[in-house]
Amino acid sequence: MGLILNQLNNKTMNPYIIQSSLYLSTIYEAIIAKQEILRAKMQQYNDVKLYLFSFILPEYSSNEYIANSLKLYNENELFPIIITSITYKEVNNPRIAFKNENGIIHLVLCFEHDKED
């Protein structure tokens, strides 16, 4: 299954759905692809949330498995360094969060920072 672009009637997000087995390896690519949007959000908000992409939860997987995978991903000591190198600014508590909506997992990059006025 290749990459599929899916448009929904949601003004805040147009889901980008990927093959579920690739979701961990695609996170950095998605962040880099959206780095300009990320920097623009940082100028407006102290609490930044950036939609990355979505994938269909496989039948053999569970919310618990996704949560544990992302926990390990977020705890990687290089993750905050990579986010800081993309944002050009120190950030607090960078993490990848997820939401399950009817079997579709949406991944979001979240962090806090001190916005310069």
PDB file of N, CA and C in Angstrom:
ATOM      1  N   MET A   1       0.846  -1.172   0.000  1.00  0.00           N
ATOM      2  CA  MET A   1       0.000   0.000   0.000  1.00  0.00           C
ATOM      3  C   MET A   1       0.886   1.227   0.000  1.00  0.00           C
ATOM      4  N   GLY A   2       0.697   2.116  -0.920  1.00  0.00           N
ATOM      5  CA  GLY A   2       1.495   3.328  -1.015  1.00  0.00           C
ATOM      6  C   GLY A   2       0.902   4.440  -0.182  1.00  0.00           C
ATOM      7  N   LEU A   3       1.409   5.631  -0.356  1.00  0.00           N
ATOM      8  CA  LEU A   3       0.898   6.790   0.363  1.00  0.00           C
ATOM      9  C   LEU A   3      -0.433   7.205  -0.243  1.00  0.00           C
ATOM     10  N   ILE A   4      -1.370   7.570   0.617  1.00  0.00           N
ATOM     11  CA  ILE A   4      -2.695   7.955   0.175  1.00  0.00           C
ATOM     12  C   ILE A   4      -3.000   9.334   0.739  1.00  0.00           C
ATOM     13  N   LEU A   5      -3.429  10.255  -0.090  1.00  0.00           N
ATOM     14  CA  LEU A   5      -3.839  11.569   0.364  1.00  0.00           C
ATOM     15  C   LEU A   5      -5.345  11.559   0.496  1.00  0.00           C
ATOM     16  N   ASN A   6      -5.854  11.921   1.659  1.00  0.00           N
ATOM     17  CA  ASN A   6      -7.273  11.843   1.933  1.00  0.00           C
ATOM     18  C   ASN A   6      -7.766  13.200   2.411  1.00  0.00           C
ATOM     19  N   GLN A   7      -8.769  13.761   1.771  1.00  0.00           N
ATOM     20  CA  GLN A   7      -9.331  15.045   2.148  1.00  0.00           C
ATOM     21  C   GLN A   7     -10.624  14.811   2.925  1.00  0.00           C
ATOM     22  N   LEU A   8     -10.735  15.446   4.090  1.00  0.00           N
ATOM     23  CA  LEU A   8     -11.955  15.389   4.882  1.00  0.00           C
ATOM     24  C   LEU A   8     -12.518  16.794   5.014  1.00  0.00           C
ATOM     25  N   ASN A   9     -13.758  16.899   5.434  1.00  0.00           N
ATOM     26  CA  ASN A   9     -14.380  18.203   5.645  1.00  0.00           C
ATOM     27  C   ASN A   9     -14.005  18.737   7.016  1.00  0.00           C
ATOM     28  N   ASN A  10     -12.741  18.953   7.235  1.00  0.00           N
ATOM     29  CA  ASN A  10     -12.237  19.471   8.502  1.00  0.00           C
ATOM     30  C   ASN A  10     -11.284  20.607   8.170  1.00  0.00           C
ATOM     31  N   LYS A  11     -11.631  21.809   8.588  1.00  0.00           N
ATOM     32  CA  LYS A  11     -10.843  22.980   8.230  1.00  0.00           C
ATOM     33  C   LYS A  11      -9.469  22.999   8.902  1.00  0.00           C
ATOM     34  N   THR A  12      -9.293  22.299  10.003  1.00  0.00           N
ATOM     35  CA  THR A  12      -8.033  22.372  10.728  1.00  0.00           C
ATOM     36  C   THR A  12      -7.021  21.332  10.280  1.00  0.00           C
ATOM     37  N   MET A  13      -7.474  20.297   9.567  1.00  0.00           N
ATOM     38  CA  MET A  13      -6.520  19.249   9.223  1.00  0.00           C
ATOM     39  C   MET A  13      -7.006  18.476   8.021  1.00  0.00           C
ATOM     40  N   ASN A  14      -6.119  18.274   7.086  1.00  0.00           N
ATOM     41  CA  ASN A  14      -6.377  17.395   5.957  1.00  0.00           C
ATOM     42  C   ASN A  14      -5.514  16.167   6.157  1.00  0.00           C
ATOM     43  N   PRO A  15      -6.090  15.081   6.657  1.00  0.00           N
ATOM     44  CA  PRO A  15      -5.270  13.926   7.024  1.00  0.00           C
ATOM     45  C   PRO A  15      -4.411  13.392   5.885  1.00  0.00           C
ATOM     46  N   TYR A  16      -3.201  13.096   6.228  1.00  0.00           N
ATOM     47  CA  TYR A  16      -2.238  12.480   5.329  1.00  0.00           C
ATOM     48  C   TYR A  16      -2.053  11.069   5.861  1.00  0.00           C
ATOM     49  N   ILE A  17      -2.588  10.073   5.176  1.00  0.00           N
ATOM     50  CA  ILE A  17      -2.615   8.710   5.695  1.00  0.00           C
ATOM     51  C   ILE A  17      -1.476   7.909   5.081  1.00  0.00           C
ATOM     52  N   ILE A  18      -0.715   7.236   5.946  1.00  0.00           N
ATOM     53  CA  ILE A  18       0.407   6.422   5.492  1.00  0.00           C
ATOM     54  C   ILE A  18       0.159   4.965   5.848  1.00  0.00           C
ATOM     55  N   GLN A  19       0.999   4.108   5.335  1.00  0.00           N
ATOM     56  CA  GLN A  19       0.946   2.685   5.685  1.00  0.00           C
ATOM     57  C   GLN A  19       1.317   2.551   7.157  1.00  0.00           C
ATOM     58  N   SER A  20       0.541   1.796   7.907  1.00  0.00           N
ATOM     59  CA  SER A  20       0.700   1.750   9.354  1.00  0.00           C
ATOM     60  C   SER A  20       2.055   1.234   9.810  1.00  0.00           C
ATOM     61  N   SER A  21       2.675   0.348   9.073  1.00  0.00           N
ATOM     62  CA  SER A  21       3.959  -0.209   9.520  1.00  0.00           C
ATOM     63  C   SER A  21       5.098   0.798   9.381  1.00  0.00           C
ATOM     64  N   LEU A  22       4.856   1.905   8.718  1.00  0.00           N
ATOM     65  CA  LEU A  22       5.899   2.903   8.503  1.00  0.00           C
ATOM     66  C   LEU A  22       5.800   4.106   9.430  1.00  0.00           C
ATOM     67  N   TYR A  23       4.846   4.117  10.357  1.00  0.00           N
ATOM     68  CA  TYR A  23       4.569   5.352  11.082  1.00  0.00           C
ATOM     69  C   TYR A  23       5.746   5.866  11.898  1.00  0.00           C
ATOM     70  N   LEU A  24       6.510   5.012  12.564  1.00  0.00           N
ATOM     71  CA  LEU A  24       7.631   5.502  13.375  1.00  0.00           C
ATOM     72  C   LEU A  24       8.748   6.084  12.515  1.00  0.00           C
ATOM     73  N   SER A  25       9.012   5.457  11.389  1.00  0.00           N
ATOM     74  CA  SER A  25      10.095   5.950  10.535  1.00  0.00           C
ATOM     75  C   SER A  25       9.702   7.204   9.756  1.00  0.00           C
ATOM     76  N   THR A  26       8.430   7.523   9.721  1.00  0.00           N
ATOM     77  CA  THR A  26       7.949   8.669   8.959  1.00  0.00           C
ATOM     78  C   THR A  26       7.835   9.937   9.804  1.00  0.00           C
ATOM     79  N   ILE A  27       7.937   9.827  11.112  1.00  0.00           N
ATOM     80  CA  ILE A  27       7.742  10.988  11.983  1.00  0.00           C
ATOM     81  C   ILE A  27       8.738  12.102  11.667  1.00  0.00           C
ATOM     82  N   TYR A  28      10.036  11.786  11.631  1.00  0.00           N
ATOM     83  CA  TYR A  28      11.026  12.840  11.364  1.00  0.00           C
ATOM     84  C   TYR A  28      10.831  13.455   9.984  1.00  0.00           C
ATOM     85  N   GLU A  29      10.517  12.640   9.000  1.00  0.00           N
ATOM     86  CA  GLU A  29      10.268  13.167   7.660  1.00  0.00           C
ATOM     87  C   GLU A  29       9.109  14.153   7.669  1.00  0.00           C
ATOM     88  N   ALA A  30       8.052  13.837   8.392  1.00  0.00           N
ATOM     89  CA  ALA A  30       6.887  14.717   8.462  1.00  0.00           C
ATOM     90  C   ALA A  30       7.232  16.027   9.170  1.00  0.00           C
ATOM     91  N   ILE A  31       8.018  15.944  10.239  1.00  0.00           N
ATOM     92  CA  ILE A  31       8.413  17.155  10.964  1.00  0.00           C
ATOM     93  C   ILE A  31       9.271  18.049  10.071  1.00  0.00           C
ATOM     94  N   ILE A  32      10.219  17.465   9.386  1.00  0.00           N
ATOM     95  CA  ILE A  32      11.082  18.246   8.498  1.00  0.00           C
ATOM     96  C   ILE A  32      10.270  18.861   7.357  1.00  0.00           C
ATOM     97  N   ALA A  33       9.347  18.115   6.803  1.00  0.00           N
ATOM     98  CA  ALA A  33       8.514  18.630   5.713  1.00  0.00           C
ATOM     99  C   ALA A  33       7.636  19.795   6.163  1.00  0.00           C
ATOM    100  N   LYS A  34       7.313  19.847   7.449  1.00  0.00           N
ATOM    101  CA  LYS A  34       6.424  20.890   7.967  1.00  0.00           C
ATOM    102  C   LYS A  34       7.159  21.904   8.841  1.00  0.00           C
ATOM    103  N   GLN A  35       8.473  22.009   8.699  1.00  0.00           N
ATOM    104  CA  GLN A  35       9.237  22.875   9.585  1.00  0.00           C
ATOM    105  C   GLN A  35       8.862  24.351   9.467  1.00  0.00           C
ATOM    106  N   GLU A  36       8.512  24.823   8.287  1.00  0.00           N
ATOM    107  CA  GLU A  36       8.118  26.230   8.141  1.00  0.00           C
ATOM    108  C   GLU A  36       6.791  26.497   8.852  1.00  0.00           C
ATOM    109  N   ILE A  37       5.860  25.558   8.747  1.00  0.00           N
ATOM    110  CA  ILE A  37       4.585  25.679   9.462  1.00  0.00           C
ATOM    111  C   ILE A  37       4.842  25.662  10.964  1.00  0.00           C
ATOM    112  N   LEU A  38       5.747  24.808  11.389  1.00  0.00           N
ATOM    113  CA  LEU A  38       6.097  24.701  12.803  1.00  0.00           C
ATOM    114  C   LEU A  38       6.641  26.028  13.325  1.00  0.00           C
ATOM    115  N   ARG A  39       7.550  26.634  12.596  1.00  0.00           N
ATOM    116  CA  ARG A  39       8.124  27.917  13.026  1.00  0.00           C
ATOM    117  C   ARG A  39       7.063  29.018  13.053  1.00  0.00           C
ATOM    118  N   ALA A  40       6.135  28.990  12.096  1.00  0.00           N
ATOM    119  CA  ALA A  40       5.052  29.986  12.078  1.00  0.00           C
ATOM    120  C   ALA A  40       4.141  29.821  13.296  1.00  0.00           C
ATOM    121  N   LYS A  41       3.837  28.588  13.650  1.00  0.00           N
ATOM    122  CA  LYS A  41       3.017  28.339  14.837  1.00  0.00           C
ATOM    123  C   LYS A  41       3.729  28.807  16.103  1.00  0.00           C
ATOM    124  N   MET A  42       5.044  28.663  16.130  1.00  0.00           N
ATOM    125  CA  MET A  42       5.812  29.089  17.303  1.00  0.00           C
ATOM    126  C   MET A  42       5.742  30.604  17.502  1.00  0.00           C
ATOM    127  N   GLN A  43       5.587  31.350  16.429  1.00  0.00           N
ATOM    128  CA  GLN A  43       5.473  32.800  16.546  1.00  0.00           C
ATOM    129  C   GLN A  43       4.125  33.200  17.133  1.00  0.00           C
ATOM    130  N   GLN A  44       3.129  32.340  16.998  1.00  0.00           N
ATOM    131  CA  GLN A  44       1.782  32.658  17.475  1.00  0.00           C
ATOM    132  C   GLN A  44       1.447  32.050  18.834  1.00  0.00           C
ATOM    133  N   TYR A  45       2.019  30.894  19.139  1.00  0.00           N
ATOM    134  CA  TYR A  45       1.583  30.147  20.323  1.00  0.00           C
ATOM    135  C   TYR A  45       2.755  29.718  21.202  1.00  0.00           C
ATOM    136  N   ASN A  46       2.502  29.681  22.520  1.00  0.00           N
ATOM    137  CA  ASN A  46       3.476  29.104  23.452  1.00  0.00           C
ATOM    138  C   ASN A  46       3.339  27.588  23.502  1.00  0.00           C
ATOM    139  N   ASP A  47       2.113  27.118  23.386  1.00  0.00           N
ATOM    140  CA  ASP A  47       1.806  25.684  23.405  1.00  0.00           C
ATOM    141  C   ASP A  47       1.546  25.264  21.962  1.00  0.00           C
ATOM    142  N   VAL A  48       2.536  24.616  21.351  1.00  0.00           N
ATOM    143  CA  VAL A  48       2.475  24.310  19.921  1.00  0.00           C
ATOM    144  C   VAL A  48       2.006  22.875  19.701  1.00  0.00           C
ATOM    145  N   LYS A  49       1.062  22.722  18.762  1.00  0.00           N
ATOM    146  CA  LYS A  49       0.593  21.406  18.334  1.00  0.00           C
ATOM    147  C   LYS A  49       0.587  21.415  16.820  1.00  0.00           C
ATOM    148  N   LEU A  50       1.253  20.425  16.230  1.00  0.00           N
ATOM    149  CA  LEU A  50       1.355  20.345  14.772  1.00  0.00           C
ATOM    150  C   LEU A  50       0.948  18.952  14.318  1.00  0.00           C
ATOM    151  N   TYR A  51      -0.133  18.878  13.532  1.00  0.00           N
ATOM    152  CA  TYR A  51      -0.572  17.603  12.973  1.00  0.00           C
ATOM    153  C   TYR A  51       0.498  17.098  12.011  1.00  0.00           C
ATOM    154  N   LEU A  52       0.882  15.832  12.158  1.00  0.00           N
ATOM    155  CA  LEU A  52       1.899  15.239  11.287  1.00  0.00           C
ATOM    156  C   LEU A  52       1.272  14.379  10.201  1.00  0.00           C
ATOM    157  N   PHE A  53       0.593  13.311  10.596  1.00  0.00           N
ATOM    158  CA  PHE A  53      -0.058  12.420   9.635  1.00  0.00           C
ATOM    159  C   PHE A  53      -0.934  11.436  10.384  1.00  0.00           C
ATOM    160  N   SER A  54      -1.635  10.613   9.624  1.00  0.00           N
ATOM    161  CA  SER A  54      -2.531   9.607  10.195  1.00  0.00           C
ATOM    162  C   SER A  54      -2.233   8.244   9.583  1.00  0.00           C
ATOM    163  N   PHE A  55      -2.622   7.205  10.291  1.00  0.00           N
ATOM    164  CA  PHE A  55      -2.544   5.856   9.738  1.00  0.00           C
ATOM    165  C   PHE A  55      -3.659   5.017  10.327  1.00  0.00           C
ATOM    166  N   ILE A  56      -4.006   3.968   9.613  1.00  0.00           N
ATOM    167  CA  ILE A  56      -5.064   3.067  10.057  1.00  0.00           C
ATOM    168  C   ILE A  56      -4.466   2.064  11.031  1.00  0.00           C
ATOM    169  N   LEU A  57      -5.105   1.945  12.186  1.00  0.00           N
ATOM    170  CA  LEU A  57      -4.644   1.006  13.203  1.00  0.00           C
ATOM    171  C   LEU A  57      -4.871  -0.416  12.699  1.00  0.00           C
ATOM    172  N   PRO A  58      -3.799  -1.197  12.541  1.00  0.00           N
ATOM    173  CA  PRO A  58      -3.970  -2.575  12.062  1.00  0.00           C
ATOM    174  C   PRO A  58      -4.746  -3.421  13.074  1.00  0.00           C
ATOM    175  N   GLU A  59      -5.412  -4.422  12.585  1.00  0.00           N
ATOM    176  CA  GLU A  59      -6.189  -5.306  13.458  1.00  0.00           C
ATOM    177  C   GLU A  59      -5.303  -5.994  14.492  1.00  0.00           C
ATOM    178  N   TYR A  60      -4.043  -6.259  14.147  1.00  0.00           N
ATOM    179  CA  TYR A  60      -3.139  -6.964  15.050  1.00  0.00           C
ATOM    180  C   TYR A  60      -2.513  -6.023  16.095  1.00  0.00           C
ATOM    181  N   SER A  61      -2.825  -4.751  16.049  1.00  0.00           N
ATOM    182  CA  SER A  61      -2.232  -3.784  16.960  1.00  0.00           C
ATOM    183  C   SER A  61      -3.292  -3.251  17.919  1.00  0.00           C
ATOM    184  N   SER A  62      -2.850  -2.378  18.848  1.00  0.00           N
ATOM    185  CA  SER A  62      -3.775  -1.818  19.833  1.00  0.00           C
ATOM    186  C   SER A  62      -3.326  -0.411  20.222  1.00  0.00           C
ATOM    187  N   ASN A  63      -4.212   0.308  20.892  1.00  0.00           N
ATOM    188  CA  ASN A  63      -3.847   1.627  21.406  1.00  0.00           C
ATOM    189  C   ASN A  63      -2.658   1.530  22.359  1.00  0.00           C
ATOM    190  N   GLU A  64      -2.642   0.479  23.162  1.00  0.00           N
ATOM    191  CA  GLU A  64      -1.556   0.292  24.131  1.00  0.00           C
ATOM    192  C   GLU A  64      -0.210   0.128  23.413  1.00  0.00           C
ATOM    193  N   TYR A  65      -0.195  -0.631  22.332  1.00  0.00           N
ATOM    194  CA  TYR A  65       1.036  -0.816  21.572  1.00  0.00           C
ATOM    195  C   TYR A  65       1.518   0.515  20.995  1.00  0.00           C
ATOM    196  N   ILE A  66       0.598   1.294  20.416  1.00  0.00           N
ATOM    197  CA  ILE A  66       0.957   2.602  19.852  1.00  0.00           C
ATOM    198  C   ILE A  66       1.475   3.510  20.959  1.00  0.00           C
ATOM    199  N   ALA A  67       0.790   3.541  22.095  1.00  0.00           N
ATOM    200  CA  ALA A  67       1.209   4.385  23.216  1.00  0.00           C
ATOM    201  C   ALA A  67       2.607   4.004  23.701  1.00  0.00           C
ATOM    202  N   ASN A  68       2.882   2.711  23.828  1.00  0.00           N
ATOM    203  CA  ASN A  68       4.208   2.264  24.273  1.00  0.00           C
ATOM    204  C   ASN A  68       5.288   2.583  23.246  1.00  0.00           C
ATOM    205  N   SER A  69       4.974   2.413  21.961  1.00  0.00           N
ATOM    206  CA  SER A  69       5.943   2.743  20.902  1.00  0.00           C
ATOM    207  C   SER A  69       6.284   4.221  20.929  1.00  0.00           C
ATOM    208  N   LEU A  70       5.262   5.065  21.062  1.00  0.00           N
ATOM    209  CA  LEU A  70       5.498   6.508  21.082  1.00  0.00           C
ATOM    210  C   LEU A  70       6.194   6.945  22.369  1.00  0.00           C
ATOM    211  N   LYS A  71       5.927   6.250  23.458  1.00  0.00           N
ATOM    212  CA  LYS A  71       6.617   6.564  24.719  1.00  0.00           C
ATOM    213  C   LYS A  71       8.117   6.346  24.552  1.00  0.00           C
ATOM    214  N   LEU A  72       8.494   5.234  23.977  1.00  0.00           N
ATOM    215  CA  LEU A  72       9.912   4.967  23.721  1.00  0.00           C
ATOM    216  C   LEU A  72      10.498   5.988  22.755  1.00  0.00           C
ATOM    217  N   TYR A  73       9.745   6.352  21.754  1.00  0.00           N
ATOM    218  CA  TYR A  73      10.179   7.344  20.772  1.00  0.00           C
ATOM    219  C   TYR A  73      10.421   8.693  21.457  1.00  0.00           C
ATOM    220  N   ASN A  74       9.447   9.105  22.291  1.00  0.00           N
ATOM    221  CA  ASN A  74       9.548  10.387  22.992  1.00  0.00           C
ATOM    222  C   ASN A  74      10.681  10.405  24.013  1.00  0.00           C
ATOM    223  N   GLU A  75      11.010   9.260  24.591  1.00  0.00           N
ATOM    224  CA  GLU A  75      12.065   9.185  25.601  1.00  0.00           C
ATOM    225  C   GLU A  75      13.465   9.121  25.003  1.00  0.00           C
ATOM    226  N   ASN A  76      13.564   8.982  23.688  1.00  0.00           N
ATOM    227  CA  ASN A  76      14.871   8.948  23.037  1.00  0.00           C
ATOM    228  C   ASN A  76      15.582  10.266  23.310  1.00  0.00           C
ATOM    229  N   GLU A  77      16.815  10.208  23.804  1.00  0.00           N
ATOM    230  CA  GLU A  77      17.519  11.437  24.188  1.00  0.00           C
ATOM    231  C   GLU A  77      17.838  12.350  23.009  1.00  0.00           C
ATOM    232  N   LEU A  78      17.790  11.831  21.785  1.00  0.00           N
ATOM    233  CA  LEU A  78      18.039  12.669  20.620  1.00  0.00           C
ATOM    234  C   LEU A  78      16.803  13.437  20.157  1.00  0.00           C
ATOM    235  N   PHE A  79      15.617  12.997  20.557  1.00  0.00           N
ATOM    236  CA  PHE A  79      14.385  13.617  20.078  1.00  0.00           C
ATOM    237  C   PHE A  79      14.332  15.118  20.391  1.00  0.00           C
ATOM    238  N   PRO A  80      14.551  15.562  21.634  1.00  0.00           N
ATOM    239  CA  PRO A  80      14.513  17.012  21.903  1.00  0.00           C
ATOM    240  C   PRO A  80      15.582  17.790  21.129  1.00  0.00           C
ATOM    241  N   ILE A  81      16.741  17.181  20.927  1.00  0.00           N
ATOM    242  CA  ILE A  81      17.821  17.845  20.189  1.00  0.00           C
ATOM    243  C   ILE A  81      17.410  18.056  18.735  1.00  0.00           C
ATOM    244  N   ILE A  82      16.785  17.065  18.158  1.00  0.00           N
ATOM    245  CA  ILE A  82      16.347  17.176  16.762  1.00  0.00           C
ATOM    246  C   ILE A  82      15.260  18.245  16.624  1.00  0.00           C
ATOM    247  N   ILE A  83      14.320  18.276  17.559  1.00  0.00           N
ATOM    248  CA  ILE A  83      13.259  19.284  17.500  1.00  0.00           C
ATOM    249  C   ILE A  83      13.857  20.682  17.655  1.00  0.00           C
ATOM    250  N   THR A  84      14.788  20.844  18.571  1.00  0.00           N
ATOM    251  CA  THR A  84      15.452  22.143  18.754  1.00  0.00           C
ATOM    252  C   THR A  84      16.216  22.554  17.503  1.00  0.00           C
ATOM    253  N   SER A  85      16.857  21.612  16.835  1.00  0.00           N
ATOM    254  CA  SER A  85      17.607  21.949  15.621  1.00  0.00           C
ATOM    255  C   SER A  85      16.675  22.364  14.481  1.00  0.00           C
ATOM    256  N   ILE A  86      15.449  21.880  14.473  1.00  0.00           N
ATOM    257  CA  ILE A  86      14.482  22.245  13.440  1.00  0.00           C
ATOM    258  C   ILE A  86      13.834  23.598  13.758  1.00  0.00           C
ATOM    259  N   THR A  87      13.555  23.840  15.036  1.00  0.00           N
ATOM    260  CA  THR A  87      12.857  25.064  15.426  1.00  0.00           C
ATOM    261  C   THR A  87      13.811  26.244  15.640  1.00  0.00           C
ATOM    262  N   TYR A  88      15.098  25.977  15.746  1.00  0.00           N
ATOM    263  CA  TYR A  88      16.114  27.002  16.036  1.00  0.00           C
ATOM    264  C   TYR A  88      15.904  27.655  17.393  1.00  0.00           C
ATOM    265  N   LYS A  89      15.212  26.961  18.286  1.00  0.00           N
ATOM    266  CA  LYS A  89      14.913  27.511  19.597  1.00  0.00           C
ATOM    267  C   LYS A  89      14.714  26.364  20.580  1.00  0.00           C
ATOM    268  N   GLU A  90      15.078  26.606  21.818  1.00  0.00           N
ATOM    269  CA  GLU A  90      14.876  25.574  22.834  1.00  0.00           C
ATOM    270  C   GLU A  90      13.386  25.385  23.099  1.00  0.00           C
ATOM    271  N   VAL A  91      12.984  24.122  23.178  1.00  0.00           N
ATOM    272  CA  VAL A  91      11.585  23.794  23.442  1.00  0.00           C
ATOM    273  C   VAL A  91      11.504  22.926  24.695  1.00  0.00           C
ATOM    274  N   ASN A  92      10.343  22.940  25.322  1.00  0.00           N
ATOM    275  CA  ASN A  92      10.117  22.156  26.536  1.00  0.00           C
ATOM    276  C   ASN A  92       9.138  21.029  26.256  1.00  0.00           C
ATOM    277  N   ASN A  93       9.456  19.871  26.783  1.00  0.00           N
ATOM    278  CA  ASN A  93       8.568  18.715  26.730  1.00  0.00           C
ATOM    279  C   ASN A  93       8.116  18.341  25.320  1.00  0.00           C
ATOM    280  N   PRO A  94       9.033  18.201  24.367  1.00  0.00           N
ATOM    281  CA  PRO A  94       8.597  17.767  23.029  1.00  0.00           C
ATOM    282  C   PRO A  94       8.122  16.315  23.076  1.00  0.00           C
ATOM    283  N   ARG A  95       7.034  16.056  22.383  1.00  0.00           N
ATOM    284  CA  ARG A  95       6.473  14.710  22.386  1.00  0.00           C
ATOM    285  C   ARG A  95       5.576  14.523  21.180  1.00  0.00           C
ATOM    286  N   ILE A  96       5.411  13.280  20.808  1.00  0.00           N
ATOM    287  CA  ILE A  96       4.453  12.902  19.776  1.00  0.00           C
ATOM    288  C   ILE A  96       3.245  12.318  20.507  1.00  0.00           C
ATOM    289  N   ALA A  97       2.105  12.946  20.323  1.00  0.00           N
ATOM    290  CA  ALA A  97       0.866  12.464  20.925  1.00  0.00           C
ATOM    291  C   ALA A  97       0.016  11.838  19.825  1.00  0.00           C
ATOM    292  N   PHE A  98      -0.963  11.030  20.241  1.00  0.00           N
ATOM    293  CA  PHE A  98      -1.846  10.434  19.244  1.00  0.00           C
ATOM    294  C   PHE A  98      -3.279  10.432  19.727  1.00  0.00           C
ATOM    295  N   LYS A  99      -4.173  10.356  18.765  1.00  0.00           N
ATOM    296  CA  LYS A  99      -5.595  10.235  19.049  1.00  0.00           C
ATOM    297  C   LYS A  99      -6.150   9.178  18.103  1.00  0.00           C
ATOM    298  N   ASN A 100      -6.944   8.269  18.655  1.00  0.00           N
ATOM    299  CA  ASN A 100      -7.580   7.226  17.868  1.00  0.00           C
ATOM    300  C   ASN A 100      -9.023   7.632  17.602  1.00  0.00           C
ATOM    301  N   GLU A 101      -9.345   7.833  16.336  1.00  0.00           N
ATOM    302  CA  GLU A 101     -10.714   8.143  15.944  1.00  0.00           C
ATOM    303  C   GLU A 101     -11.216   7.033  15.037  1.00  0.00           C
ATOM    304  N   ASN A 102     -11.972   6.127  15.613  1.00  0.00           N
ATOM    305  CA  ASN A 102     -12.571   5.021  14.852  1.00  0.00           C
ATOM    306  C   ASN A 102     -11.538   4.210  14.081  1.00  0.00           C
ATOM    307  N   GLY A 103     -10.410   3.923  14.727  1.00  0.00           N
ATOM    308  CA  GLY A 103      -9.388   3.090  14.104  1.00  0.00           C
ATOM    309  C   GLY A 103      -8.380   3.844  13.255  1.00  0.00           C
ATOM    310  N   ILE A 104      -8.520   5.152  13.152  1.00  0.00           N
ATOM    311  CA  ILE A 104      -7.530   5.966  12.454  1.00  0.00           C
ATOM    312  C   ILE A 104      -6.723   6.722  13.501  1.00  0.00           C
ATOM    313  N   ILE A 105      -5.424   6.498  13.490  1.00  0.00           N
ATOM    314  CA  ILE A 105      -4.524   7.122  14.459  1.00  0.00           C
ATOM    315  C   ILE A 105      -3.986   8.412  13.854  1.00  0.00           C
ATOM    316  N   HIS A 106      -4.159   9.519  14.577  1.00  0.00           N
ATOM    317  CA  HIS A 106      -3.642  10.824  14.163  1.00  0.00           C
ATOM    318  C   HIS A 106      -2.452  11.162  15.068  1.00  0.00           C
ATOM    319  N   LEU A 107      -1.310  11.459  14.469  1.00  0.00           N
ATOM    320  CA  LEU A 107      -0.109  11.814  15.235  1.00  0.00           C
ATOM    321  C   LEU A 107       0.103  13.324  15.205  1.00  0.00           C
ATOM    322  N   VAL A 108       0.450  13.881  16.377  1.00  0.00           N
ATOM    323  CA  VAL A 108       0.625  15.316  16.534  1.00  0.00           C
ATOM    324  C   VAL A 108       1.905  15.573  17.321  1.00  0.00           C
ATOM    325  N   LEU A 109       2.731  16.493  16.828  1.00  0.00           N
ATOM    326  CA  LEU A 109       3.905  16.949  17.567  1.00  0.00           C
ATOM    327  C   LEU A 109       3.448  18.033  18.521  1.00  0.00           C
ATOM    328  N   CYS A 110       3.800  17.910  19.807  1.00  0.00           N
ATOM    329  CA  CYS A 110       3.414  18.897  20.818  1.00  0.00           C
ATOM    330  C   CYS A 110       4.659  19.324  21.579  1.00  0.00           C
ATOM    331  N   PHE A 111       4.707  20.596  21.958  1.00  0.00           N
ATOM    332  CA  PHE A 111       5.739  21.093  22.859  1.00  0.00           C
ATOM    333  C   PHE A 111       5.366  22.485  23.318  1.00  0.00           C
ATOM    334  N   GLU A 112       6.068  22.949  24.340  1.00  0.00           N
ATOM    335  CA  GLU A 112       5.899  24.293  24.849  1.00  0.00           C
ATOM    336  C   GLU A 112       7.199  25.051  24.635  1.00  0.00           C
ATOM    337  N   HIS A 113       7.105  26.365  24.561  1.00  0.00           N
ATOM    338  CA  HIS A 113       8.296  27.210  24.463  1.00  0.00           C
ATOM    339  C   HIS A 113       7.924  28.619  24.914  1.00  0.00           C
ATOM    340  N   ASP A 114       8.924  29.443  25.146  1.00  0.00           N
ATOM    341  CA  ASP A 114       8.693  30.822  25.526  1.00  0.00           C
ATOM    342  C   ASP A 114       8.637  31.663  24.264  1.00  0.00           C
ATOM    343  N   LYS A 115       7.446  32.152  23.968  1.00  0.00           N
ATOM    344  CA  LYS A 115       7.248  32.952  22.758  1.00  0.00           C
ATOM    345  C   LYS A 115       7.778  34.352  23.002  1.00  0.00           C
ATOM    346  N   GLU A 116       8.534  34.843  22.036  1.00  0.00           N
ATOM    347  CA  GLU A 116       9.041  36.204  22.134  1.00  0.00           C
ATOM    348  C   GLU A 116       8.000  37.150  21.598  1.00  0.00           C
ATOM    349  N   ASP A 117       7.636  38.145  22.395  1.00  0.00           N
ATOM    350  CA  ASP A 117       6.599  39.121  21.969  1.00  0.00           C
ATOM    351  C   ASP A 117       7.190  40.203  21.115  1.00  0.00           C
TER     352      ASP A 117
END
